[in-house]
N, C-alpha and C. Protein backbone atom coordinates (compact mmCIF):
# COMPACT_ATOMS: atom_id res chain seq x y z
N UNK A 1 29.16 72.18 -171.72
CA UNK A 1 27.75 71.13 -171.37
C UNK A 1 27.54 71.57 -169.74
N UNK A 2 26.44 71.47 -170.29
CA UNK A 2 25.93 71.84 -168.86
C UNK A 2 25.06 70.60 -168.41
N UNK A 3 25.32 70.45 -166.95
CA UNK A 3 24.55 69.54 -165.45
C UNK A 3 24.04 70.08 -164.77
N UNK A 4 23.06 69.87 -164.43
CA UNK A 4 22.48 70.30 -163.98
C UNK A 4 21.84 68.72 -162.86
N UNK A 5 22.06 68.74 -161.75
CA UNK A 5 22.25 67.51 -160.35
C UNK A 5 21.32 68.29 -159.30
N UNK A 6 20.69 66.68 -158.15
CA UNK A 6 20.28 66.85 -157.32
C UNK A 6 20.74 65.50 -156.74
N UNK A 7 21.54 66.37 -155.32
CA UNK A 7 21.71 64.78 -154.47
C UNK A 7 21.46 65.35 -153.21
N UNK A 8 20.47 63.79 -153.12
CA UNK A 8 20.26 63.75 -151.87
C UNK A 8 19.97 62.61 -150.62
N UNK A 9 20.18 62.78 -149.67
CA UNK A 9 20.49 61.96 -148.87
C UNK A 9 19.62 61.23 -148.18
N UNK A 10 19.92 60.02 -148.29
CA UNK A 10 18.44 59.16 -148.35
C UNK A 10 18.51 58.91 -146.09
N UNK A 11 18.15 58.39 -145.75
CA UNK A 11 17.98 57.86 -143.94
C UNK A 11 18.40 58.53 -142.64
N UNK A 12 18.26 59.93 -143.35
CA UNK A 12 19.35 61.11 -142.04
C UNK A 12 17.67 61.81 -141.88
N UNK A 13 16.59 61.66 -141.85
CA UNK A 13 15.75 62.43 -141.46
C UNK A 13 15.35 63.75 -142.90
N UNK A 14 14.28 64.00 -142.27
CA UNK A 14 13.37 65.49 -143.20
C UNK A 14 14.70 66.60 -143.41
N UNK A 15 16.00 67.55 -142.22
CA UNK A 15 16.67 68.45 -142.61
C UNK A 15 17.28 67.56 -143.14
N UNK A 16 18.06 68.25 -144.15
CA UNK A 16 18.83 67.54 -145.11
C UNK A 16 19.71 68.50 -145.80
N UNK A 17 19.29 70.21 -145.25
CA UNK A 17 19.72 70.77 -145.79
C UNK A 17 21.59 70.95 -145.92
N UNK A 18 21.99 70.61 -144.43
CA UNK A 18 23.53 70.27 -143.85
C UNK A 18 24.12 69.45 -144.97
N UNK A 19 23.61 68.71 -145.59
CA UNK A 19 24.31 67.70 -146.23
C UNK A 19 24.44 68.41 -147.44
N UNK A 20 23.24 68.49 -148.38
CA UNK A 20 23.12 69.46 -149.58
C UNK A 20 24.14 70.23 -149.80
N UNK A 21 24.63 71.08 -148.60
CA UNK A 21 25.39 72.08 -148.45
C UNK A 21 26.97 71.26 -148.42
N UNK A 22 26.57 70.18 -148.17
CA UNK A 22 28.26 69.52 -148.25
C UNK A 22 28.53 69.68 -149.71
N UNK A 23 28.00 69.01 -150.79
CA UNK A 23 27.36 68.79 -152.57
C UNK A 23 27.77 69.79 -152.64
N UNK A 24 27.21 71.54 -152.15
CA UNK A 24 27.49 71.94 -153.17
C UNK A 24 28.26 73.12 -153.04
N UNK A 25 29.06 72.89 -151.94
CA UNK A 25 30.47 73.50 -151.41
C UNK A 25 31.28 72.99 -152.11
N UNK A 26 31.13 71.44 -152.81
CA UNK A 26 32.54 70.79 -153.70
C UNK A 26 32.13 71.67 -154.60
N UNK A 27 30.96 71.99 -155.57
CA UNK A 27 30.95 72.59 -156.51
C UNK A 27 31.41 73.47 -156.90
N UNK A 28 31.15 74.79 -155.42
CA UNK A 28 31.72 75.82 -155.60
C UNK A 28 32.89 75.89 -156.05
N UNK A 29 33.66 75.00 -154.70
CA UNK A 29 35.02 74.86 -155.06
C UNK A 29 35.77 74.36 -156.33
N UNK A 30 34.93 73.94 -156.98
CA UNK A 30 35.69 73.25 -158.59
C UNK A 30 36.17 74.50 -159.56
N UNK A 31 35.39 75.50 -158.90
CA UNK A 31 36.15 76.46 -159.83
C UNK A 31 35.03 76.73 -160.91
N UNK A 32 34.15 75.96 -161.41
CA UNK A 32 33.30 75.65 -163.03
C UNK A 32 32.80 77.17 -162.60
N UNK A 33 31.93 77.44 -163.42
CA UNK A 33 30.52 78.44 -163.28
C UNK A 33 29.91 77.35 -163.06
N UNK A 34 28.78 78.39 -161.86
CA UNK A 34 27.41 77.37 -161.10
C UNK A 34 26.63 77.87 -160.76
N UNK A 35 25.56 77.32 -161.04
CA UNK A 35 24.35 77.84 -160.23
C UNK A 35 23.53 76.86 -159.43
N UNK A 36 23.22 77.61 -158.21
CA UNK A 36 22.13 76.43 -156.80
C UNK A 36 21.05 77.34 -156.76
N UNK A 37 19.43 76.47 -157.04
CA UNK A 37 18.50 76.63 -156.71
C UNK A 37 17.84 76.23 -155.87
N UNK A 38 16.63 76.01 -155.76
CA UNK A 38 15.80 75.55 -154.58
C UNK A 38 15.55 73.89 -155.23
N UNK A 39 16.28 73.54 -156.33
CA UNK A 39 15.52 72.09 -156.76
C UNK A 39 16.93 71.32 -157.48
N UNK A 40 18.03 72.27 -158.17
CA UNK A 40 19.54 71.67 -158.65
C UNK A 40 20.74 72.45 -158.68
N UNK A 41 21.38 71.93 -158.61
CA UNK A 41 22.88 73.05 -159.18
C UNK A 41 23.07 73.31 -160.26
N UNK A 42 23.79 73.85 -161.06
CA UNK A 42 24.03 73.52 -162.39
C UNK A 42 25.43 73.89 -162.41
N UNK A 43 26.01 72.87 -162.91
CA UNK A 43 27.59 73.09 -163.03
C UNK A 43 28.38 73.18 -164.67
N UNK A 44 28.61 74.09 -165.57
CA UNK A 44 28.97 74.05 -166.88
C UNK A 44 30.56 73.83 -166.94
N UNK A 45 30.90 73.57 -167.80
CA UNK A 45 32.15 72.95 -168.20
C UNK A 45 32.68 71.85 -169.45
N UNK A 46 33.46 70.96 -169.51
CA UNK A 46 33.89 69.94 -170.22
C UNK A 46 33.24 68.62 -169.89
N UNK A 47 33.19 67.62 -170.67
CA UNK A 47 32.59 66.65 -169.88
C UNK A 47 32.93 65.80 -168.25
N UNK A 48 34.20 65.42 -168.62
CA UNK A 48 35.68 65.24 -167.81
C UNK A 48 35.57 65.66 -166.27
N UNK A 49 35.04 67.25 -166.66
CA UNK A 49 35.79 68.02 -165.46
C UNK A 49 34.32 68.12 -164.50
N UNK A 50 33.16 68.39 -165.14
CA UNK A 50 31.82 68.63 -164.47
C UNK A 50 31.72 67.02 -163.99
N UNK A 51 31.91 66.38 -165.00
CA UNK A 51 31.45 64.00 -164.40
C UNK A 51 32.39 64.19 -162.77
N UNK A 52 33.67 64.68 -162.59
CA UNK A 52 34.36 64.49 -161.61
C UNK A 52 33.89 65.19 -160.79
N UNK A 53 33.63 66.47 -160.57
CA UNK A 53 32.41 67.65 -159.88
C UNK A 53 31.39 66.72 -158.99
N UNK A 54 30.35 66.01 -160.23
CA UNK A 54 29.01 65.57 -159.97
C UNK A 54 29.87 64.72 -158.91
N UNK A 55 31.13 63.73 -159.00
CA UNK A 55 31.33 62.55 -158.29
C UNK A 55 31.58 62.99 -156.94
N UNK A 56 32.35 64.13 -157.20
CA UNK A 56 33.07 64.10 -155.63
C UNK A 56 31.91 65.19 -154.68
N UNK A 57 30.87 65.66 -155.29
CA UNK A 57 30.09 65.96 -154.42
C UNK A 57 28.81 64.87 -153.91
N UNK A 58 28.64 63.89 -155.12
CA UNK A 58 27.79 62.47 -153.96
C UNK A 58 28.92 62.03 -153.03
N UNK A 59 29.90 62.09 -153.53
CA UNK A 59 31.16 61.30 -152.54
C UNK A 59 30.76 62.01 -150.93
N UNK A 60 30.99 63.57 -151.22
CA UNK A 60 30.99 64.39 -150.02
C UNK A 60 29.62 63.95 -149.02
N UNK A 61 28.42 63.68 -149.89
CA UNK A 61 27.24 63.39 -149.14
C UNK A 61 27.28 62.08 -148.58
N UNK A 62 27.70 61.01 -149.55
CA UNK A 62 27.51 58.85 -149.13
C UNK A 62 28.62 59.38 -147.44
N UNK A 63 29.85 60.23 -147.81
CA UNK A 63 30.72 60.14 -146.39
C UNK A 63 29.63 60.34 -145.17
N UNK A 64 28.53 60.80 -145.25
CA UNK A 64 27.57 61.29 -144.22
C UNK A 64 26.02 60.80 -143.89
N UNK A 65 26.02 59.92 -144.90
CA UNK A 65 24.85 59.51 -144.83
C UNK A 65 25.03 57.74 -145.81
N UNK A 66 23.53 57.33 -145.16
CA UNK A 66 23.60 55.61 -145.56
C UNK A 66 23.19 55.21 -147.05
N UNK A 67 22.83 56.36 -147.61
CA UNK A 67 22.15 56.43 -148.67
C UNK A 67 21.96 57.41 -149.61
N UNK A 68 22.63 57.54 -151.08
CA UNK A 68 22.50 58.89 -151.46
C UNK A 68 21.69 58.87 -153.05
N UNK A 69 20.90 59.73 -153.13
CA UNK A 69 20.13 59.67 -154.08
C UNK A 69 20.74 60.67 -155.55
N UNK A 70 20.92 60.55 -156.71
CA UNK A 70 20.95 61.32 -157.32
C UNK A 70 20.11 61.48 -158.34
N UNK A 71 19.77 62.85 -159.05
CA UNK A 71 19.07 63.22 -160.36
C UNK A 71 20.06 63.93 -160.88
N UNK A 72 20.26 63.44 -162.58
CA UNK A 72 21.28 64.67 -162.99
C UNK A 72 20.77 64.64 -164.83
N UNK A 73 20.82 65.58 -164.93
CA UNK A 73 20.16 65.76 -166.01
C UNK A 73 21.18 67.19 -167.27
N UNK A 74 21.50 66.55 -168.79
CA UNK A 74 22.74 67.34 -169.12
C UNK A 74 21.99 68.03 -170.70
N UNK A 75 23.24 69.12 -170.72
CA UNK A 75 22.87 69.27 -172.20
C UNK A 75 23.99 69.48 -172.52
N UNK A 76 24.61 68.49 -173.79
CA UNK A 76 25.56 68.51 -174.36
C UNK A 76 25.77 68.94 -175.73
N UNK A 77 26.54 70.05 -175.33
CA UNK A 77 26.37 70.98 -176.92
C UNK A 77 27.56 71.72 -176.75
N UNK A 78 28.58 70.85 -177.49
CA UNK A 78 29.77 71.18 -177.71
C UNK A 78 30.14 72.69 -179.07
N UNK A 79 31.15 73.33 -178.03
CA UNK A 79 31.22 75.01 -178.84
C UNK A 79 30.37 75.87 -178.23
N UNK A 80 29.72 75.56 -177.14
CA UNK A 80 28.75 76.26 -176.47
C UNK A 80 29.59 77.34 -175.12
N UNK A 81 30.17 77.96 -175.14
CA UNK A 81 30.23 78.50 -173.32
C UNK A 81 29.03 79.59 -172.64
N UNK A 82 29.45 79.36 -171.76
CA UNK A 82 28.90 80.23 -171.08
C UNK A 82 27.31 80.33 -170.84
N UNK A 83 26.41 78.64 -170.88
CA UNK A 83 25.50 78.53 -171.45
C UNK A 83 24.86 78.78 -170.37
N UNK A 84 25.15 78.91 -168.92
CA UNK A 84 24.89 79.20 -167.72
C UNK A 84 23.72 80.73 -167.83
N UNK A 85 24.70 81.74 -168.55
CA UNK A 85 24.00 82.77 -168.66
C UNK A 85 23.26 83.01 -170.31
N UNK A 86 23.29 82.53 -170.89
CA UNK A 86 22.86 82.91 -171.96
C UNK A 86 21.71 82.51 -172.56
N UNK A 87 21.83 81.18 -171.66
CA UNK A 87 20.08 80.68 -172.11
C UNK A 87 18.80 81.08 -171.22
N UNK A 88 19.84 82.19 -170.43
CA UNK A 88 18.60 82.46 -169.61
C UNK A 88 18.13 83.99 -169.98
N UNK A 89 19.38 84.38 -170.48
CA UNK A 89 19.41 86.01 -171.23
C UNK A 89 18.44 85.26 -172.92
N UNK A 90 18.54 84.73 -173.34
CA UNK A 90 17.96 84.38 -174.07
C UNK A 90 16.13 84.79 -174.12
N UNK A 91 15.56 83.58 -173.21
CA UNK A 91 14.73 83.78 -172.50
C UNK A 91 14.12 84.87 -171.98
N UNK A 92 15.18 85.56 -171.27
CA UNK A 92 14.71 86.84 -170.90
C UNK A 92 13.97 87.72 -171.83
N UNK A 93 14.55 87.92 -172.99
CA UNK A 93 14.60 88.97 -174.08
C UNK A 93 13.33 88.65 -175.06
N UNK A 94 12.95 86.64 -175.25
CA UNK A 94 11.43 86.37 -176.09
C UNK A 94 10.67 86.69 -174.24
N UNK A 95 10.72 87.60 -173.04
CA UNK A 95 9.23 87.87 -172.41
C UNK A 95 9.67 89.20 -172.59
N UNK A 96 10.50 89.68 -173.16
CA UNK A 96 10.79 91.00 -173.16
C UNK A 96 9.68 91.49 -173.80
N UNK A 97 9.76 90.76 -174.71
CA UNK A 97 9.15 91.11 -175.97
C UNK A 97 7.30 91.37 -175.31
N UNK A 98 6.68 90.51 -174.67
CA UNK A 98 5.67 90.22 -174.46
C UNK A 98 4.50 90.12 -174.70
N UNK A 99 4.76 89.23 -176.31
CA UNK A 99 3.37 89.01 -176.74
C UNK A 99 4.10 87.50 -176.98
N UNK A 100 4.79 87.02 -176.92
CA UNK A 100 4.93 85.31 -177.38
C UNK A 100 5.72 85.03 -178.31
N UNK A 101 5.03 86.18 -179.52
CA UNK A 101 4.92 85.96 -180.68
C UNK A 101 6.72 86.20 -180.98
N UNK A 102 7.66 85.23 -182.62
CA UNK A 102 8.65 85.52 -182.72
C UNK A 102 8.97 86.70 -183.04
N UNK A 103 10.10 87.19 -183.13
CA UNK A 103 10.50 88.59 -183.35
C UNK A 103 10.42 88.88 -185.33
N UNK A 104 9.89 90.09 -185.49
CA UNK A 104 9.43 90.60 -187.06
C UNK A 104 8.00 89.59 -187.31
N UNK A 105 7.24 89.00 -186.74
CA UNK A 105 6.13 88.71 -187.10
C UNK A 105 4.75 89.72 -186.48
N UNK A 106 3.98 89.38 -187.79
CA UNK A 106 2.25 90.23 -187.23
C UNK A 106 1.52 89.17 -186.45
N UNK A 107 1.70 88.19 -186.60
CA UNK A 107 0.63 86.38 -186.80
C UNK A 107 0.70 86.26 -185.33
């Protein structure tokens, strides 16, 4: 399973980077495969371990902010491993073809 989530502290002003860093630190220290970009942090693993990481990341921000917003999206697909990498590689392979058509077609 892959979970993409965003934790935002509310009531602390516009500069939230240090609060977000607290959440990302929890994810990185979890040992689970993860990636962080400008909008979300994605983490991959089994349901219970991923949700535990999300809960602890929220708690890290909640410890310093009066209110926390959480946005979460999950791709629940049993048996898939290394989805963080393989999903992106699939898209890149399609982009490398350059024409947008499925492989092996002339239409």
